[in-house]
Amino acid sequence: MPHSSSSPSPAQRLAAFYETLTPASLATLDRFYAPDARFKDPFNEVTGIAPIRRIFAHMFATTEAPRFVVTERIEQGEQAMLGWTFHFVLRGRALVVRGVTHLRFDADGRVALHRDYWDAAEELYEKLPLIGGLMRVLKRRLSARGDMH
């Protein structure tokens, strides 16, 4: 679906969808995603609307107050990159994950490919009580700065 400057682009529509995402709005995922859309993030790799919907339903089931804020949007032809922050509460602790999504749209303006890029170690594991200490030790040991005396 071609868009004029007065109507929102597929990337703008998707960004607005994610910024207002609720468990109820997951029912409308097929308005934004093609039936055979592929989705990949650090924990999941699925094809199809139902499996993508399950990923976001799981997010709502396992976190409190999850919320996306789109901070950047770069569009070129049928592709877009969205920079975002994901705010949520896990076990009473407020956390923020920063990432980028690469999107490829089909001829109808629906997502054919959704690939999330974010550093699970830095953005999530280091902030968790037990595994965080281990991740910080590993980061110090593997850092090139540790070689400079």
Protein backbone atom coordinates (compact mmCIF):
# COMPACT_ATOMS: atom_id res chain seq x y z
CA MET A 1 0.00 0.00 0.00
CA PRO A 2 1.77 3.17 -1.15
CA HIS A 3 1.63 6.07 1.26
CA SER A 4 1.53 9.78 0.69
CA SER A 5 3.19 12.30 2.96
CA SER A 6 -0.15 12.83 4.71
CA SER A 7 -0.72 9.19 5.66
CA PRO A 8 1.60 7.36 8.04
CA SER A 9 4.19 4.99 6.59
CA PRO A 10 4.13 1.31 7.55
CA ALA A 11 7.03 1.99 9.95
CA GLN A 12 5.14 4.89 11.56
CA ARG A 13 2.03 2.74 11.96
CA LEU A 14 4.04 -0.09 13.50
CA ALA A 15 5.88 2.26 15.87
CA ALA A 16 2.55 3.65 17.09
CA PHE A 17 1.23 0.09 17.51
CA TYR A 18 4.18 -0.90 19.70
CA GLU A 19 4.06 2.27 21.77
CA THR A 20 0.42 1.52 22.65
CA LEU A 21 0.72 -2.28 22.84
CA THR A 22 -1.63 -4.04 25.28
CA PRO A 23 -2.65 -7.68 25.69
CA ALA A 24 -5.93 -6.81 23.92
CA SER A 25 -4.21 -5.14 20.94
CA LEU A 26 -2.31 -8.37 20.20
CA ALA A 27 -5.53 -9.53 18.50
CA THR A 28 -4.86 -6.96 15.75
CA LEU A 29 -1.31 -8.18 14.97
CA ASP A 30 -2.46 -9.43 11.56
CA ARG A 31 -3.11 -5.81 10.50
CA PHE A 32 0.62 -5.15 10.85
CA TYR A 33 2.27 -8.51 10.08
CA ALA A 34 2.05 -10.68 6.96
CA PRO A 35 0.72 -14.24 7.56
CA ASP A 36 4.20 -15.73 7.00
CA ALA A 37 6.15 -12.98 8.77
CA ARG A 38 9.46 -14.00 10.29
CA PHE A 39 10.44 -12.76 13.77
CA LYS A 40 13.82 -13.13 15.47
CA ASP A 41 15.21 -11.75 18.71
CA PRO A 42 17.95 -13.00 21.10
CA PHE A 43 15.55 -15.62 22.55
CA ASN A 44 13.09 -16.52 19.77
CA GLU A 45 12.96 -17.31 16.07
CA VAL A 46 9.48 -17.97 14.68
CA THR A 47 7.40 -17.67 11.51
CA GLY A 48 3.71 -16.73 11.45
CA ILE A 49 1.36 -14.43 13.30
CA ALA A 50 0.26 -16.90 16.02
CA PRO A 51 3.84 -17.63 17.21
CA ILE A 52 4.71 -13.91 17.11
CA ARG A 53 1.56 -13.16 19.14
CA ARG A 54 2.65 -15.82 21.70
CA ILE A 55 6.01 -14.07 22.18
CA PHE A 56 4.31 -10.81 23.11
CA ALA A 57 1.65 -12.58 25.22
CA HIS A 58 4.53 -14.22 27.11
CA MET A 59 6.10 -10.78 27.63
CA PHE A 60 2.86 -9.53 29.21
CA ALA A 61 2.59 -12.69 31.34
CA THR A 62 6.16 -12.55 32.70
CA THR A 63 6.79 -8.80 33.16
CA GLU A 64 4.92 -6.00 34.85
CA ALA A 65 4.06 -2.74 33.08
CA PRO A 66 5.92 -3.52 29.82
CA ARG A 67 6.15 -0.51 27.53
CA PHE A 68 8.03 0.32 24.33
CA VAL A 69 9.20 3.80 23.42
CA VAL A 70 10.39 4.26 19.84
CA THR A 71 13.33 6.67 19.94
CA GLU A 72 14.53 6.58 16.32
CA ARG A 73 13.05 5.68 12.95
CA ILE A 74 15.01 5.31 9.72
CA GLU A 75 13.13 4.34 6.57
CA GLN A 76 14.41 3.41 3.14
CA GLY A 77 12.09 1.85 0.59
CA GLU A 78 10.50 -1.31 1.95
CA GLN A 79 12.86 -1.41 4.95
CA ALA A 80 13.06 0.43 8.24
CA MET A 81 15.09 0.49 11.43
CA LEU A 82 13.43 1.41 14.71
CA GLY A 83 15.50 2.35 17.74
CA TRP A 84 13.62 1.71 20.97
CA THR A 85 13.68 1.42 24.73
CA PHE A 86 11.68 -1.28 26.49
CA HIS A 87 10.62 -0.40 30.02
CA PHE A 88 9.34 -3.10 32.37
CA VAL A 89 9.30 -4.33 35.94
CA LEU A 90 10.68 -7.76 36.80
CA ARG A 91 10.39 -9.09 40.36
CA GLY A 92 9.75 -5.59 41.68
CA ARG A 93 12.72 -4.06 39.85
CA ALA A 94 12.29 -1.46 37.10
CA LEU A 95 14.48 -2.26 34.09
CA VAL A 96 15.16 -0.71 30.68
CA VAL A 97 16.46 -2.52 27.61
CA ARG A 98 17.68 -0.58 24.56
CA GLY A 99 17.61 -2.09 21.11
CA VAL A 100 17.03 -1.76 17.39
CA THR A 101 14.57 -3.54 15.12
CA HIS A 102 15.20 -4.17 11.42
CA LEU A 103 11.94 -4.40 9.47
CA ARG A 104 11.19 -5.42 5.92
CA PHE A 105 7.67 -4.74 4.63
CA ASP A 106 5.73 -6.59 1.93
CA ALA A 107 3.85 -4.93 -0.95
CA ASP A 108 0.82 -4.44 1.34
CA GLY A 109 2.87 -2.56 3.94
CA ARG A 110 2.82 -5.43 6.43
CA VAL A 111 5.91 -6.74 8.21
CA ALA A 112 7.53 -9.65 6.37
CA LEU A 113 10.69 -9.66 8.53
CA HIS A 114 11.13 -8.39 12.10
CA ARG A 115 14.64 -8.79 13.54
CA ASP A 116 15.43 -7.37 16.98
CA TYR A 117 19.01 -6.57 17.90
CA TRP A 118 19.87 -5.99 21.52
CA ASP A 119 22.61 -7.14 23.85
CA ALA A 120 21.03 -9.58 26.30
CA ALA A 121 24.21 -9.63 28.42
CA GLU A 122 24.55 -5.87 28.88
CA GLU A 123 20.90 -4.90 28.78
CA LEU A 124 19.42 -7.70 30.88
CA TYR A 125 21.74 -10.24 32.50
CA GLU A 126 24.08 -7.69 34.11
CA LYS A 127 21.08 -6.13 35.87
CA LEU A 128 19.88 -9.36 37.48
CA PRO A 129 21.09 -10.04 41.04
CA LEU A 130 22.89 -13.41 40.79
CA ILE A 131 23.93 -13.62 37.16
CA GLY A 132 24.79 -9.90 37.03
CA GLY A 133 27.91 -10.30 39.17
CA LEU A 134 29.15 -13.14 36.99
CA MET A 135 28.48 -11.16 33.80
CA ARG A 136 30.40 -8.13 35.14
CA VAL A 137 33.40 -10.34 36.06
CA LEU A 138 33.38 -11.94 32.60
CA LYS A 139 33.12 -8.54 30.94
CA ARG A 140 36.14 -7.25 32.90
CA ARG A 141 38.17 -10.36 32.06
CA LEU A 142 37.31 -10.27 28.36
CA SER A 143 37.76 -6.52 27.94
CA ALA A 144 40.73 -5.39 25.84
CA ARG A 145 41.23 -2.63 28.42
CA GLY A 146 42.27 -5.33 30.92
CA ASP A 147 45.37 -6.02 28.79
CA MET A 148 46.72 -2.49 29.06
CA HIS A 149 48.95 -1.98 32.09
